[in-house]
Structure formats: C-alpha cells, structure tokens
C-alpha cells in the first residue's frame, strides 16, 4: 500500500526532469560534456524524489508486515506487532514498546485536518489480512535492512537514462 497522491506526484516530477533533459538535448549547441553535466545535476534530484515518493510502502504478508521507508526496510513478524495506529500517520507499535513509522503514510497538517483517511484505510486492510488467521512463525525477530542495491540501482538507472539514453535518442535523427 502506498500513498497514491505522493507516488503520482513523484512520478510526474521525475518525468518533468526527463523532459528538461530532452529539452537540453534538443539544443544542438550543447556538447556531450554539457549533457553529462546536466545529467549529473538531475540525477540526485530524481533520486531523492524517487526514494521519498516512489519507494516507501507498507505490505501485509502471511508471515508479517513489511514497512519500507527511504532509509530501511523493516520486516516485522505478526507476533511482534502489538498495535497498528493511524492517529498521527501510520505506525506499528511492537511488543517491546518500539514504534516503526511508515514514511508512505506520514503525519501531515492536511492529514490531521482530514483524519488521515489513507492511513486509516491501510490499517483496516492490514487488520483484515491479520485477522484471516495468518500462520507461520514469520522469523525470529524484527529485521531491518538498508536496501543498498536498490539505492545504487536508482542512481545508476537515472544517470544512464539522463546521460546516455535520452540524449542519444533525441540526437539520432
């Protein structure tokens, strides 16, 4: 589950940066070194936009809950989940008292006025999956990992797209 407004906004910002690279590539006076500089400028922007908008999600599985935030992915077995809350954005309270917040459904001023409808909907869906009698031990403990391969992959894909693919396609004819 993702916040669809945030995801759509992030997608369009990345498309806007791609359009800007196309516009720079169409100018025949820009050399390849200039285009590499433009790609190097837009790559971190799109990388940051993507990890804060396209990457975060919450997924309920039969063995537990997966909370993907920009900095880490937490896999939480159902037996470690004490409570789910959507009062100030979505967060999971663990049996040891620790709280795992979801960046996908974070607290906001607009959410506070509207009552966090997206987070409440996500909690209801998660509770339905949890109530179905999910089985399995789900691992021994809460596992948190930093998705380095995904981060490096995002940077490489954006840079190759902005530095090589888009300029080559635009300048072919």
Protein backbone atom coordinates (compact mmCIF):
# COMPACT_ATOMS: atom_id res chain seq x y z
CA UNK A 1 0.00 0.00 0.00
CA UNK A 2 1.28 3.39 -0.96
CA UNK A 3 0.02 6.91 -0.72
CA UNK A 4 -1.15 7.27 -4.34
CA UNK A 5 -1.06 11.07 -4.38
CA UNK A 6 2.56 11.11 -3.23
CA UNK A 7 3.51 8.35 -5.69
CA UNK A 8 1.85 10.15 -8.61
CA UNK A 9 3.49 13.45 -7.68
CA UNK A 10 6.93 11.83 -7.51
CA UNK A 11 6.40 10.12 -10.84
CA UNK A 12 5.46 13.40 -12.52
CA UNK A 13 8.45 15.25 -11.02
CA UNK A 14 10.77 12.55 -12.44
CA UNK A 15 9.02 12.90 -15.82
CA UNK A 16 9.49 16.66 -15.64
CA UNK A 17 13.23 16.21 -15.07
CA UNK A 18 13.34 13.81 -18.04
CA UNK A 19 11.56 16.42 -20.17
CA UNK A 20 14.14 19.01 -19.12
CA UNK A 21 16.92 16.66 -20.24
CA UNK A 22 15.13 16.22 -23.58
CA UNK A 23 14.97 20.00 -23.98
CA UNK A 24 18.69 20.36 -23.19
CA UNK A 25 19.47 17.54 -25.63
CA UNK A 26 17.49 19.17 -28.46
CA UNK A 27 19.75 22.21 -28.36
CA UNK A 28 22.49 21.26 -30.81
CA UNK A 29 24.88 23.78 -29.29
CA UNK A 30 25.08 21.75 -26.09
CA UNK A 31 28.07 19.43 -26.26
CA UNK A 32 28.13 15.93 -24.79
CA UNK A 33 30.13 17.19 -21.82
CA UNK A 34 27.37 19.74 -21.12
CA UNK A 35 24.75 16.97 -21.36
CA UNK A 36 26.77 14.84 -18.92
CA UNK A 37 26.83 17.82 -16.54
CA UNK A 38 23.05 18.24 -16.90
CA UNK A 39 22.56 14.52 -16.23
CA UNK A 40 24.81 14.75 -13.18
CA UNK A 41 22.68 17.67 -11.95
CA UNK A 42 19.28 15.98 -12.48
CA UNK A 43 20.27 12.51 -11.23
CA UNK A 44 20.43 13.35 -7.49
CA UNK A 45 17.22 15.37 -7.74
CA UNK A 46 15.32 12.45 -9.28
CA UNK A 47 16.99 10.00 -6.91
CA UNK A 48 15.83 11.95 -3.85
CA UNK A 49 12.35 12.47 -5.30
CA UNK A 50 12.06 8.75 -6.07
CA UNK A 51 13.21 7.45 -2.68
CA UNK A 52 10.85 9.79 -0.85
CA UNK A 53 7.80 9.28 -3.10
CA UNK A 54 8.04 6.10 -5.20
CA UNK A 55 9.93 3.86 -2.77
CA UNK A 56 8.01 3.91 0.60
CA UNK A 57 5.25 1.35 1.08
CA UNK A 58 3.59 -0.96 3.62
CA UNK A 59 2.83 -4.57 2.72
CA UNK A 60 0.98 -7.14 4.80
CA UNK A 61 2.06 -10.72 4.10
CA UNK A 62 1.09 -14.03 5.63
CA UNK A 63 4.18 -14.00 7.83
CA UNK A 64 4.11 -10.38 8.92
CA UNK A 65 4.33 -6.77 7.94
CA UNK A 66 6.88 -5.12 5.65
CA UNK A 67 7.42 -1.38 6.15
CA UNK A 68 9.67 0.15 3.51
CA UNK A 69 10.96 3.61 4.37
CA UNK A 70 13.61 5.58 2.45
CA UNK A 71 16.35 4.61 4.88
CA UNK A 72 15.46 0.97 5.65
CA UNK A 73 13.08 -1.91 5.14
CA UNK A 74 11.63 -3.45 8.31
CA UNK A 75 10.17 -6.97 8.26
CA UNK A 76 8.01 -7.44 11.33
CA UNK A 77 6.52 -10.84 12.24
CA UNK A 78 2.86 -10.73 13.29
CA UNK A 79 3.67 -11.99 16.80
CA UNK A 80 5.84 -8.87 17.36
CA UNK A 81 3.04 -6.44 16.34
CA UNK A 82 1.28 -5.07 19.41
CA UNK A 83 -0.89 -2.44 17.69
CA UNK A 84 -1.39 -0.54 14.46
CA UNK A 85 -2.31 3.12 14.64
CA UNK A 86 -3.35 5.81 12.17
CA UNK A 87 -3.64 8.68 14.67
CA UNK A 88 -0.58 10.64 13.50
CA UNK A 89 0.14 8.83 10.26
CA UNK A 90 0.58 5.06 10.13
CA UNK A 91 2.84 3.43 12.70
CA UNK A 92 3.31 -0.04 14.13
CA UNK A 93 3.84 -0.47 17.84
CA UNK A 94 5.96 -3.52 18.64
CA UNK A 95 5.65 -5.74 21.69
CA UNK A 96 8.90 -4.30 23.11
CA UNK A 97 7.44 -0.75 23.01
CA UNK A 98 9.36 0.39 19.92
CA UNK A 99 7.44 2.18 17.15
CA UNK A 100 8.06 1.75 13.43
CA UNK A 101 6.68 4.69 11.47
CA UNK A 102 5.69 4.46 7.82
CA UNK A 103 7.02 7.20 5.56
CA UNK A 104 4.35 6.30 2.97
CA UNK A 105 1.60 7.36 5.37
CA UNK A 106 3.35 10.05 7.40
CA UNK A 107 1.86 12.71 9.61
CA UNK A 108 0.88 15.96 7.90
CA UNK A 109 -1.17 19.05 8.52
CA UNK A 110 -3.69 18.13 5.81
CA UNK A 111 -3.92 14.59 7.19
CA UNK A 112 -4.57 15.98 10.65
CA UNK A 113 -7.48 18.07 9.34
CA UNK A 114 -8.94 15.18 7.32
CA UNK A 115 -8.33 12.48 9.94
CA UNK A 116 -5.66 10.54 7.98
CA UNK A 117 -8.08 8.70 5.66
CA UNK A 118 -5.32 6.92 3.70
CA UNK A 119 -3.61 5.66 6.85
CA UNK A 120 -6.92 4.52 8.34
CA UNK A 121 -7.77 2.66 5.14
CA UNK A 122 -4.35 0.99 5.19
CA UNK A 123 -4.78 -0.05 8.84
CA UNK A 124 -8.19 -1.60 8.02
CA UNK A 125 -6.69 -3.58 5.12
CA UNK A 126 -3.77 -4.75 7.25
CA UNK A 127 -6.09 -5.80 10.08
CA UNK A 128 -8.22 -7.81 7.63
CA UNK A 129 -5.16 -9.71 6.44
CA UNK A 130 -4.01 -10.21 10.03
CA UNK A 131 -7.47 -11.45 11.09
CA UNK A 132 -7.59 -14.12 8.37
CA UNK A 133 -5.62 -16.36 10.66
CA UNK A 134 -2.24 -15.94 9.07
CA UNK A 135 0.10 -18.68 10.10
CA UNK A 136 3.78 -19.22 10.25
CA UNK A 137 6.37 -18.12 12.71
CA UNK A 138 7.41 -15.22 10.49
CA UNK A 139 11.01 -15.24 11.57
CA UNK A 140 12.57 -14.84 14.96
CA UNK A 141 12.72 -11.11 15.32
CA UNK A 142 12.19 -7.78 13.62
CA UNK A 143 14.61 -7.45 10.72
CA UNK A 144 15.72 -4.04 9.46
CA UNK A 145 17.96 -3.76 6.43
CA UNK A 146 19.21 -0.90 4.30
CA UNK A 147 18.42 -1.62 0.61
CA UNK A 148 21.81 -0.57 -0.79
CA UNK A 149 21.34 -2.37 -4.10
CA UNK A 150 18.07 -0.56 -4.72
CA UNK A 151 19.58 2.84 -3.90
CA UNK A 152 22.61 2.28 -6.14
CA UNK A 153 20.33 0.89 -8.86
CA UNK A 154 18.13 4.01 -8.79
CA UNK A 155 21.17 6.29 -9.12
CA UNK A 156 22.64 4.27 -12.00
CA UNK A 157 19.34 3.99 -13.88
CA UNK A 158 18.65 7.72 -13.63
CA UNK A 159 22.19 8.70 -14.63
CA UNK A 160 22.34 6.30 -17.59
CA UNK A 161 18.90 7.45 -18.73
CA UNK A 162 19.69 11.16 -18.44
CA UNK A 163 23.30 10.99 -19.69
CA UNK A 164 23.14 8.38 -22.43
CA UNK A 165 19.73 7.09 -23.45
CA UNK A 166 17.69 10.32 -23.71
CA UNK A 167 20.41 12.41 -25.42
CA UNK A 168 21.24 9.57 -27.85
CA UNK A 169 17.58 9.05 -28.80
CA UNK A 170 16.95 12.78 -29.23
CA UNK A 171 20.07 13.37 -31.33
CA UNK A 172 19.71 10.29 -33.59
CA UNK A 173 17.66 11.90 -36.40
